[in-house]
Amino acid sequence: MPTPTVHLIDASPYLFRAFFSVPKSIVDGKGKISNAVYGFTMFLAKYIADETPTHIAVAFDRHFNGSFRNDLYPPYKAQREASPPELEAQVDPALAVTEAIGVAAYIDETHEADDLIATIIEQTDAKKVQYVVVSSDKDLAQLVNARTTLVDPARDLRFDADAVVAKFGVLPEQMTDYLGLAGDAVDNIPGVRGVGPKTAAQLLQQYGSLEGVYENLGRMKNQKLAAKLEEHAEMAKLSKELATVSRQSPIRVTLDDLQYRPPSAPAKEIMNAWLGRK
């Protein structure tokens, strides 16, 4: 039996895209707005048709703007506007329809979809298994390696290790160091004030890691930069921790759990039945 390629989809960016692009006139049999469910299901059905996966799973965010990281740093994602209640109400239905079309689905109260994807890889990783992570979230570039690729089919983007270097100036395994220094405005991760992406990449090219940067502060020619780094050392360390995906989220997964089990009816037919349409 050939070694499988496991496709792991981060649901949130595609649910958001569907919510804001698909007409809100799409409702379920009870009259509740279901445009995100419909749009996401059609995205997933197209992905399956295009890629014909043997193993696939979808990871959902229970809370779009929070996780266990808020215990470490309360302002994490706090700058974001609250998600529309009509969107949040569609998470569980989207999960149910995902399972109905034969795809494994995972969600957790405290861990984000990124963490669930990392945990699935951790628990199913075996020699020669390949992974395709589907997301528009750059944080997941930290998972890229010789057997893991990051793709965003909606934007026709594909990142292997070389593409990560070309885009960010650092290796995939340096992405958390990079975010620890440069921060991430999308997730409200502060990084080191005054250190931008270009400087962060240059520091990591020279010193290898966040820890390497701080071990060499006294040797830096730019002492103004060194002083800035020293002043914000604790925040840099915390920012790296916030940016690092957890591989220990409380789910249990085997490779067999991820096997795609096609339903007897097409996804669109299942979706229309769920919406109460003929």
C-alpha atoms as a PDB file:
ATOM      1  CA  MET A   1       0.000   0.000   0.000  1.00  0.00           C
ATOM      2  CA  PRO A   2       1.509   3.382  -0.973  1.00  0.00           C
ATOM      3  CA  THR A   3       2.323   5.819   1.806  1.00  0.00           C
ATOM      4  CA  PRO A   4      -0.529   8.371   1.987  1.00  0.00           C
ATOM      5  CA  THR A   5      -0.545  12.104   1.615  1.00  0.00           C
ATOM      6  CA  VAL A   6      -2.595  13.642   4.407  1.00  0.00           C
ATOM      7  CA  HIS A   7      -4.470  16.854   3.599  1.00  0.00           C
ATOM      8  CA  LEU A   8      -5.140  19.080   6.640  1.00  0.00           C
ATOM      9  CA  ILE A   9      -7.471  22.049   6.135  1.00  0.00           C
ATOM     10  CA  ASP A  10      -7.685  25.109   8.374  1.00  0.00           C
ATOM     11  CA  ALA A  11     -11.396  25.919   8.148  1.00  0.00           C
ATOM     12  CA  SER A  12     -11.503  29.478   9.489  1.00  0.00           C
ATOM     13  CA  PRO A  13     -10.113  31.495   6.557  1.00  0.00           C
ATOM     14  CA  TYR A  14     -12.459  29.737   4.157  1.00  0.00           C
ATOM     15  CA  LEU A  15     -15.471  30.083   6.457  1.00  0.00           C
ATOM     16  CA  PHE A  16     -14.748  33.812   6.735  1.00  0.00           C
ATOM     17  CA  ARG A  17     -14.345  34.147   2.986  1.00  0.00           C
ATOM     18  CA  ALA A  18     -17.633  32.343   2.392  1.00  0.00           C
ATOM     19  CA  PHE A  19     -19.476  34.395   5.009  1.00  0.00           C
ATOM     20  CA  PHE A  20     -18.523  37.675   3.373  1.00  0.00           C
ATOM     21  CA  SER A  21     -18.838  36.577  -0.257  1.00  0.00           C
ATOM     22  CA  VAL A  22     -21.794  34.178  -0.407  1.00  0.00           C
ATOM     23  CA  PRO A  23     -25.276  35.766  -0.251  1.00  0.00           C
ATOM     24  CA  LYS A  24     -26.842  35.762   3.202  1.00  0.00           C
ATOM     25  CA  SER A  25     -30.114  34.817   1.570  1.00  0.00           C
ATOM     26  CA  ILE A  26     -28.922  31.192   1.837  1.00  0.00           C
ATOM     27  CA  VAL A  27     -30.643  29.798   4.921  1.00  0.00           C
ATOM     28  CA  ASP A  28     -31.284  26.358   6.365  1.00  0.00           C
ATOM     29  CA  GLY A  29     -34.640  24.664   6.842  1.00  0.00           C
ATOM     30  CA  LYS A  30     -35.212  26.703  10.013  1.00  0.00           C
ATOM     31  CA  GLY A  31     -34.465  30.006   8.326  1.00  0.00           C
ATOM     32  CA  LYS A  32     -31.011  30.479   9.889  1.00  0.00           C
ATOM     33  CA  ILE A  33     -28.273  32.066   7.776  1.00  0.00           C
ATOM     34  CA  SER A  34     -26.112  29.287   6.309  1.00  0.00           C
ATOM     35  CA  ASN A  35     -24.039  31.043   3.670  1.00  0.00           C
ATOM     36  CA  ALA A  36     -20.691  30.239   5.336  1.00  0.00           C
ATOM     37  CA  VAL A  37     -21.629  26.573   5.680  1.00  0.00           C
ATOM     38  CA  TYR A  38     -22.685  26.431   2.041  1.00  0.00           C
ATOM     39  CA  GLY A  39     -19.635  28.272   0.708  1.00  0.00           C
ATOM     40  CA  PHE A  40     -17.196  26.288   2.817  1.00  0.00           C
ATOM     41  CA  THR A  41     -18.796  22.970   1.852  1.00  0.00           C
ATOM     42  CA  MET A  42     -18.546  23.831  -1.829  1.00  0.00           C
ATOM     43  CA  PHE A  43     -14.896  24.848  -1.322  1.00  0.00           C
ATOM     44  CA  LEU A  44     -14.205  21.545   0.419  1.00  0.00           C
ATOM     45  CA  ALA A  45     -16.048  19.526  -2.235  1.00  0.00           C
ATOM     46  CA  LYS A  46     -14.035  21.215  -4.991  1.00  0.00           C
ATOM     47  CA  TYR A  47     -10.800  20.608  -3.123  1.00  0.00           C
ATOM     48  CA  ILE A  48     -11.629  16.918  -2.793  1.00  0.00           C
ATOM     49  CA  ALA A  49     -12.576  16.685  -6.466  1.00  0.00           C
ATOM     50  CA  ASP A  50      -9.350  18.413  -7.540  1.00  0.00           C
ATOM     51  CA  GLU A  51      -6.939  16.612  -5.188  1.00  0.00           C
ATOM     52  CA  THR A  52      -8.667  13.207  -4.750  1.00  0.00           C
ATOM     53  CA  PRO A  53      -7.217  12.702  -1.255  1.00  0.00           C
ATOM     54  CA  THR A  54      -7.132   9.327   0.438  1.00  0.00           C
ATOM     55  CA  HIS A  55      -6.612  10.966   3.854  1.00  0.00           C
ATOM     56  CA  ILE A  56      -8.043  14.331   4.868  1.00  0.00           C
ATOM     57  CA  ALA A  57      -9.184  16.287   7.939  1.00  0.00           C
ATOM     58  CA  VAL A  58     -10.545  19.735   8.717  1.00  0.00           C
ATOM     59  CA  ALA A  59      -9.607  21.672  11.849  1.00  0.00           C
ATOM     60  CA  PHE A  60     -12.014  24.307  13.186  1.00  0.00           C
ATOM     61  CA  ASP A  61     -11.568  27.211  15.603  1.00  0.00           C
ATOM     62  CA  ARG A  62     -14.100  27.163  18.404  1.00  0.00           C
ATOM     63  CA  HIS A  63     -13.309  30.809  19.191  1.00  0.00           C
ATOM     64  CA  PHE A  64     -12.076  32.966  16.316  1.00  0.00           C
ATOM     65  CA  ASN A  65     -10.402  35.547  18.547  1.00  0.00           C
ATOM     66  CA  GLY A  66      -9.027  33.623  21.499  1.00  0.00           C
ATOM     67  CA  SER A  67      -7.393  30.496  22.897  1.00  0.00           C
ATOM     68  CA  PHE A  68      -5.194  29.300  25.750  1.00  0.00           C
ATOM     69  CA  ARG A  69      -2.707  31.945  24.559  1.00  0.00           C
ATOM     70  CA  ASN A  70      -4.866  34.612  26.194  1.00  0.00           C
ATOM     71  CA  ASP A  71      -3.860  33.116  29.553  1.00  0.00           C
ATOM     72  CA  LEU A  72      -0.243  33.865  28.625  1.00  0.00           C
ATOM     73  CA  TYR A  73      -0.931  37.259  27.056  1.00  0.00           C
ATOM     74  CA  PRO A  74      -4.462  38.688  27.470  1.00  0.00           C
ATOM     75  CA  PRO A  75      -4.146  41.117  24.502  1.00  0.00           C
ATOM     76  CA  TYR A  76      -3.613  38.191  22.091  1.00  0.00           C
ATOM     77  CA  LYS A  77      -5.989  38.854  19.149  1.00  0.00           C
ATOM     78  CA  ALA A  78      -7.737  41.454  21.312  1.00  0.00           C
ATOM     79  CA  GLN A  79      -7.492  44.140  18.619  1.00  0.00           C
ATOM     80  CA  ARG A  80      -9.841  42.232  16.338  1.00  0.00           C
ATOM     81  CA  GLU A  81     -13.479  43.086  16.066  1.00  0.00           C
ATOM     82  CA  ALA A  82     -15.786  40.450  17.481  1.00  0.00           C
ATOM     83  CA  SER A  83     -16.773  37.852  14.917  1.00  0.00           C
ATOM     84  CA  PRO A  84     -20.331  38.254  13.626  1.00  0.00           C
ATOM     85  CA  PRO A  85     -22.690  36.062  15.706  1.00  0.00           C
ATOM     86  CA  GLU A  86     -24.206  34.804  12.432  1.00  0.00           C
ATOM     87  CA  LEU A  87     -20.773  33.427  11.495  1.00  0.00           C
ATOM     88  CA  GLU A  88     -20.005  31.885  14.873  1.00  0.00           C
ATOM     89  CA  ALA A  89     -23.392  30.151  14.765  1.00  0.00           C
ATOM     90  CA  GLN A  90     -22.312  28.368  11.569  1.00  0.00           C
ATOM     91  CA  VAL A  91     -19.212  26.664  12.993  1.00  0.00           C
ATOM     92  CA  ASP A  92     -20.990  23.609  14.405  1.00  0.00           C
ATOM     93  CA  PRO A  93     -23.183  23.146  11.304  1.00  0.00           C
ATOM     94  CA  ALA A  94     -20.082  23.397   9.096  1.00  0.00           C
ATOM     95  CA  LEU A  95     -18.382  20.751  11.212  1.00  0.00           C
ATOM     96  CA  ALA A  96     -21.449  18.494  10.979  1.00  0.00           C
ATOM     97  CA  VAL A  97     -21.676  18.820   7.187  1.00  0.00           C
ATOM     98  CA  THR A  98     -17.910  18.180   6.884  1.00  0.00           C
ATOM     99  CA  GLU A  99     -18.357  14.884   8.704  1.00  0.00           C
ATOM    100  CA  ALA A 100     -21.462  14.094   6.629  1.00  0.00           C
ATOM    101  CA  ILE A 101     -19.418  14.209   3.417  1.00  0.00           C
ATOM    102  CA  GLY A 102     -16.894  11.739   4.840  1.00  0.00           C
ATOM    103  CA  VAL A 103     -14.156  14.047   6.149  1.00  0.00           C
ATOM    104  CA  ALA A 104     -12.749  13.867   9.692  1.00  0.00           C
ATOM    105  CA  ALA A 105     -13.321  17.107  11.633  1.00  0.00           C
ATOM    106  CA  TYR A 106     -11.680  18.396  14.829  1.00  0.00           C
ATOM    107  CA  ILE A 107     -12.412  21.277  17.207  1.00  0.00           C
ATOM    108  CA  ASP A 108     -11.330  22.193  20.740  1.00  0.00           C
ATOM    109  CA  GLU A 109     -12.398  24.774  23.320  1.00  0.00           C
ATOM    110  CA  THR A 110      -8.909  26.081  24.144  1.00  0.00           C
ATOM    111  CA  HIS A 111      -6.673  25.203  21.184  1.00  0.00           C
ATOM    112  CA  GLU A 112      -6.795  26.831  17.758  1.00  0.00           C
ATOM    113  CA  ALA A 113      -7.080  25.064  14.425  1.00  0.00           C
ATOM    114  CA  ASP A 114      -3.328  25.629  13.909  1.00  0.00           C
ATOM    115  CA  ASP A 115      -2.640  23.641  17.079  1.00  0.00           C
ATOM    116  CA  LEU A 116      -4.981  20.842  16.036  1.00  0.00           C
ATOM    117  CA  ILE A 117      -3.233  20.551  12.670  1.00  0.00           C
ATOM    118  CA  ALA A 118       0.188  20.442  14.346  1.00  0.00           C
ATOM    119  CA  THR A 119      -1.074  17.830  16.805  1.00  0.00           C
ATOM    120  CA  ILE A 120      -2.498  15.667  14.018  1.00  0.00           C
ATOM    121  CA  ILE A 121       0.893  15.715  12.301  1.00  0.00           C
ATOM    122  CA  GLU A 122       2.639  14.923  15.583  1.00  0.00           C
ATOM    123  CA  GLN A 123       0.364  11.938  16.291  1.00  0.00           C
ATOM    124  CA  THR A 124       0.306  10.468  12.779  1.00  0.00           C
ATOM    125  CA  ASP A 125       3.804  11.293  11.591  1.00  0.00           C
ATOM    126  CA  ALA A 126       5.502   8.234  10.180  1.00  0.00           C
ATOM    127  CA  LYS A 127       8.355   7.739   7.789  1.00  0.00           C
ATOM    128  CA  LYS A 128       7.501   8.881   4.250  1.00  0.00           C
ATOM    129  CA  VAL A 129       4.025  10.201   5.125  1.00  0.00           C
ATOM    130  CA  GLN A 130       3.452  13.479   3.247  1.00  0.00           C
ATOM    131  CA  TYR A 131       1.324  16.360   4.521  1.00  0.00           C
ATOM    132  CA  VAL A 132      -0.428  19.190   2.700  1.00  0.00           C
ATOM    133  CA  VAL A 133      -1.580  21.950   5.054  1.00  0.00           C
ATOM    134  CA  VAL A 134      -4.313  24.113   3.522  1.00  0.00           C
ATOM    135  CA  SER A 135      -4.519  27.621   4.965  1.00  0.00           C
ATOM    136  CA  SER A 136      -3.896  31.308   4.301  1.00  0.00           C
ATOM    137  CA  ASP A 137      -2.257  31.709   7.727  1.00  0.00           C
ATOM    138  CA  LYS A 138       1.476  32.442   7.424  1.00  0.00           C
ATOM    139  CA  ASP A 139       2.049  31.140  10.974  1.00  0.00           C
ATOM    140  CA  LEU A 140       1.635  27.613   9.638  1.00  0.00           C
ATOM    141  CA  ALA A 141       4.775  28.059   7.528  1.00  0.00           C
ATOM    142  CA  GLN A 142       6.597  26.829  10.653  1.00  0.00           C
ATOM    143  CA  LEU A 143       5.303  23.324   9.845  1.00  0.00           C
ATOM    144  CA  VAL A 144       6.847  23.223   6.360  1.00  0.00           C
ATOM    145  CA  ASN A 145       9.610  20.680   5.844  1.00  0.00           C
ATOM    146  CA  ALA A 146      10.665  18.057   3.316  1.00  0.00           C
ATOM    147  CA  ARG A 147       7.359  16.211   3.790  1.00  0.00           C
ATOM    148  CA  THR A 148       4.981  19.079   4.597  1.00  0.00           C
ATOM    149  CA  THR A 149       3.794  21.739   2.155  1.00  0.00           C
ATOM    150  CA  LEU A 150       1.597  24.764   2.907  1.00  0.00           C
ATOM    151  CA  VAL A 151      -0.949  25.705   0.236  1.00  0.00           C
ATOM    152  CA  ASP A 152      -3.739  28.229  -0.209  1.00  0.00           C
ATOM    153  CA  PRO A 153      -5.791  27.110  -3.215  1.00  0.00           C
ATOM    154  CA  ALA A 154      -7.978  30.215  -3.072  1.00  0.00           C
ATOM    155  CA  ARG A 155      -4.891  32.317  -3.884  1.00  0.00           C
ATOM    156  CA  ASP A 156      -3.069  29.629  -5.872  1.00  0.00           C
ATOM    157  CA  LEU A 157      -0.109  29.731  -3.440  1.00  0.00           C
ATOM    158  CA  ARG A 158       2.175  26.840  -2.531  1.00  0.00           C
ATOM    159  CA  PHE A 159       5.011  27.001  -0.014  1.00  0.00           C
ATOM    160  CA  ASP A 160       7.773  24.468   0.253  1.00  0.00           C
ATOM    161  CA  ALA A 161      10.909  25.323   2.248  1.00  0.00           C
ATOM    162  CA  ASP A 162      12.455  27.309  -0.613  1.00  0.00           C
ATOM    163  CA  ALA A 163       9.289  29.346  -1.068  1.00  0.00           C
ATOM    164  CA  VAL A 164       9.191  30.164   2.660  1.00  0.00           C
ATOM    165  CA  VAL A 165      12.761  31.460   2.447  1.00  0.00           C
ATOM    166  CA  ALA A 166      11.929  33.471  -0.657  1.00  0.00           C
ATOM    167  CA  LYS A 167       8.866  35.027   1.004  1.00  0.00           C
ATOM    168  CA  PHE A 168      10.116  35.679   4.540  1.00  0.00           C
ATOM    169  CA  GLY A 169      13.909  35.462   4.332  1.00  0.00           C
ATOM    170  CA  VAL A 170      14.077  32.692   6.942  1.00  0.00           C
ATOM    171  CA  LEU A 171      13.821  28.905   7.046  1.00  0.00           C
ATOM    172  CA  PRO A 172      10.492  27.345   8.091  1.00  0.00           C
ATOM    173  CA  GLU A 173      11.998  26.271  11.419  1.00  0.00           C
ATOM    174  CA  GLN A 174      12.931  29.918  12.060  1.00  0.00           C
ATOM    175  CA  MET A 175       9.404  31.265  11.564  1.00  0.00           C
ATOM    176  CA  THR A 176       8.622  31.360  15.294  1.00  0.00           C
ATOM    177  CA  ASP A 177      11.902  33.202  15.938  1.00  0.00           C
ATOM    178  CA  TYR A 178      10.988  35.588  13.117  1.00  0.00           C
ATOM    179  CA  LEU A 179       7.568  36.290  14.638  1.00  0.00           C
ATOM    180  CA  GLY A 180       9.142  36.613  18.085  1.00  0.00           C
ATOM    181  CA  LEU A 181      11.245  39.478  16.743  1.00  0.00           C
ATOM    182  CA  ALA A 182       8.971  41.098  14.152  1.00  0.00           C
ATOM    183  CA  GLY A 183       5.653  40.301  15.830  1.00  0.00           C
ATOM    184  CA  ASP A 184       2.382  39.673  14.017  1.00  0.00           C
ATOM    185  CA  ALA A 185      -0.170  42.466  13.786  1.00  0.00           C
ATOM    186  CA  VAL A 186      -2.887  40.046  12.647  1.00  0.00           C
ATOM    187  CA  ASP A 187      -2.733  38.123  15.947  1.00  0.00           C
ATOM    188  CA  ASN A 188      -1.599  41.101  18.060  1.00  0.00           C
ATOM    189  CA  ILE A 189       1.739  39.472  18.850  1.00  0.00           C
ATOM    190  CA  PRO A 190       3.991  42.410  19.770  1.00  0.00           C
ATOM    191  CA  GLY A 191       7.514  41.175  19.018  1.00  0.00           C
ATOM    192  CA  VAL A 192      10.308  43.695  19.618  1.00  0.00           C
ATOM    193  CA  ARG A 193       9.190  47.279  19.175  1.00  0.00           C
ATOM    194  CA  GLY A 194      11.065  48.852  16.266  1.00  0.00           C
ATOM    195  CA  VAL A 195      12.181  45.546  14.723  1.00  0.00           C
ATOM    196  CA  GLY A 196      10.459  44.866  11.413  1.00  0.00           C
ATOM    197  CA  PRO A 197      10.401  41.834   9.131  1.00  0.00           C
ATOM    198  CA  LYS A 198      13.565  42.812   7.215  1.00  0.00           C
ATOM    199  CA  THR A 199      15.651  43.327  10.361  1.00  0.00           C
ATOM    200  CA  ALA A 200      14.251  40.152  11.942  1.00  0.00           C
ATOM    201  CA  ALA A 201      15.228  38.119   8.877  1.00  0.00           C
ATOM    202  CA  GLN A 202      18.729  39.635   8.812  1.00  0.00           C
ATOM    203  CA  LEU A 203      19.271  38.859  12.494  1.00  0.00           C
ATOM    204  CA  LEU A 204      18.185  35.260  12.033  1.00  0.00           C
ATOM    205  CA  GLN A 205      20.316  34.822   8.937  1.00  0.00           C
ATOM    206  CA  GLN A 206      23.292  35.886  11.028  1.00  0.00           C
ATOM    207  CA  TYR A 207      22.546  34.306  14.399  1.00  0.00           C
ATOM    208  CA  GLY A 208      20.251  31.383  13.567  1.00  0.00           C
ATOM    209  CA  SER A 209      17.590  31.682  16.258  1.00  0.00           C
ATOM    210  CA  LEU A 210      16.026  34.069  18.769  1.00  0.00           C
ATOM    211  CA  GLU A 211      18.230  32.545  21.435  1.00  0.00           C
ATOM    212  CA  GLY A 212      21.279  33.021  19.197  1.00  0.00           C
ATOM    213  CA  VAL A 213      20.380  36.686  18.717  1.00  0.00           C
ATOM    214  CA  TYR A 214      20.293  37.267  22.472  1.00  0.00           C
ATOM    215  CA  GLU A 215      23.505  35.355  23.076  1.00  0.00           C
ATOM    216  CA  ASN A 216      25.278  37.777  20.722  1.00  0.00           C
ATOM    217  CA  LEU A 217      23.924  41.160  21.842  1.00  0.00           C
ATOM    218  CA  GLY A 218      27.347  42.248  23.108  1.00  0.00           C
ATOM    219  CA  ARG A 219      28.979  41.467  19.767  1.00  0.00           C
ATOM    220  CA  MET A 220      26.561  43.420  17.603  1.00  0.00           C
ATOM    221  CA  LYS A 221      27.981  46.411  15.749  1.00  0.00           C
ATOM    222  CA  ASN A 222      24.619  48.173  15.929  1.00  0.00           C
ATOM    223  CA  GLN A 223      24.439  48.810  19.660  1.00  0.00           C
ATOM    224  CA  LYS A 224      21.264  50.871  19.288  1.00  0.00           C
ATOM    225  CA  LEU A 225      19.553  47.764  17.912  1.00  0.00           C
ATOM    226  CA  ALA A 226      21.165  45.632  20.623  1.00  0.00           C
ATOM    227  CA  ALA A 227      19.813  47.947  23.307  1.00  0.00           C
ATOM    228  CA  LYS A 228      16.335  47.748  21.773  1.00  0.00           C
ATOM    229  CA  LEU A 229      16.500  43.971  21.715  1.00  0.00           C
ATOM    230  CA  GLU A 230      17.690  43.849  25.316  1.00  0.00           C
ATOM    231  CA  GLU A 231      14.913  46.182  26.470  1.00  0.00           C
ATOM    232  CA  HIS A 232      12.239  43.938  24.962  1.00  0.00           C
ATOM    233  CA  ALA A 233      13.872  40.558  25.634  1.00  0.00           C
ATOM    234  CA  GLU A 234      10.991  39.158  27.687  1.00  0.00           C
ATOM    235  CA  MET A 235       8.417  40.263  25.133  1.00  0.00           C
ATOM    236  CA  ALA A 236      10.426  38.654  22.330  1.00  0.00           C
ATOM    237  CA  LYS A 237      10.507  35.370  24.228  1.00  0.00           C
ATOM    238  CA  LEU A 238       6.775  35.570  24.949  1.00  0.00           C
ATOM    239  CA  SER A 239       6.018  36.487  21.333  1.00  0.00           C
ATOM    240  CA  LYS A 240       7.869  33.413  20.102  1.00  0.00           C
ATOM    241  CA  GLU A 241       5.875  31.264  22.529  1.00  0.00           C
ATOM    242  CA  LEU A 242       2.609  32.799  21.327  1.00  0.00           C
ATOM    243  CA  ALA A 243       3.547  32.177  17.682  1.00  0.00           C
ATOM    244  CA  THR A 244       4.561  28.551  18.222  1.00  0.00           C
ATOM    245  CA  VAL A 245       1.853  26.002  17.447  1.00  0.00           C
ATOM    246  CA  SER A 246       1.106  23.479  20.154  1.00  0.00           C
ATOM    247  CA  ARG A 247       1.604  19.864  19.182  1.00  0.00           C
ATOM    248  CA  GLN A 248      -0.073  18.705  22.387  1.00  0.00           C
ATOM    249  CA  SER A 249      -3.709  19.747  21.986  1.00  0.00           C
ATOM    250  CA  PRO A 250      -6.189  17.365  23.665  1.00  0.00           C
ATOM    251  CA  ILE A 251      -7.241  15.322  20.646  1.00  0.00           C
ATOM    252  CA  ARG A 252      -6.295  11.754  19.794  1.00  0.00           C
ATOM    253  CA  VAL A 253      -5.826  10.825  16.140  1.00  0.00           C
ATOM    254  CA  THR A 254      -4.615   7.828  14.150  1.00  0.00           C
ATOM    255  CA  LEU A 255      -3.835   7.698  10.456  1.00  0.00           C
ATOM    256  CA  ASP A 256      -6.890   5.491   9.926  1.00  0.00           C
ATOM    257  CA  ASP A 257      -9.097   8.212  11.459  1.00  0.00           C
ATOM    258  CA  LEU A 258      -8.065  10.492   8.605  1.00  0.00           C
ATOM    259  CA  GLN A 259      -9.050   8.168   5.784  1.00  0.00           C
ATOM    260  CA  TYR A 260     -11.523   9.802   3.431  1.00  0.00           C
ATOM    261  CA  ARG A 261     -14.787   7.907   3.349  1.00  0.00           C
ATOM    262  CA  PRO A 262     -16.813   9.204   0.394  1.00  0.00           C
ATOM    263  CA  PRO A 263     -20.554   9.502   1.082  1.00  0.00           C
ATOM    264  CA  SER A 264     -23.123   7.749  -1.048  1.00  0.00           C
ATOM    265  CA  ALA A 265     -24.464  11.101  -2.320  1.00  0.00           C
ATOM    266  CA  PRO A 266     -22.572  14.077  -3.794  1.00  0.00           C
ATOM    267  CA  ALA A 267     -21.602  16.876  -1.396  1.00  0.00           C
ATOM    268  CA  LYS A 268     -23.959  19.367  -3.067  1.00  0.00           C
ATOM    269  CA  GLU A 269     -26.876  16.964  -2.689  1.00  0.00           C
ATOM    270  CA  ILE A 270     -26.033  16.469   1.000  1.00  0.00           C
ATOM    271  CA  MET A 271     -25.733  20.234   1.450  1.00  0.00           C
ATOM    272  CA  ASN A 272     -29.079  20.897  -0.220  1.00  0.00           C
ATOM    273  CA  ALA A 273     -30.753  18.217   1.886  1.00  0.00           C
ATOM    274  CA  TRP A 274     -29.323  19.863   5.000  1.00  0.00           C
ATOM    275  CA  LEU A 275     -30.661  23.232   3.822  1.00  0.00           C
ATOM    276  CA  GLY A 276     -34.085  21.673   3.273  1.00  0.00           C
ATOM    277  CA  ARG A 277     -33.943  22.104  -0.495  1.00  0.00           C
ATOM    278  CA  LYS A 278     -35.104  19.614  -3.070  1.00  0.00           C
END
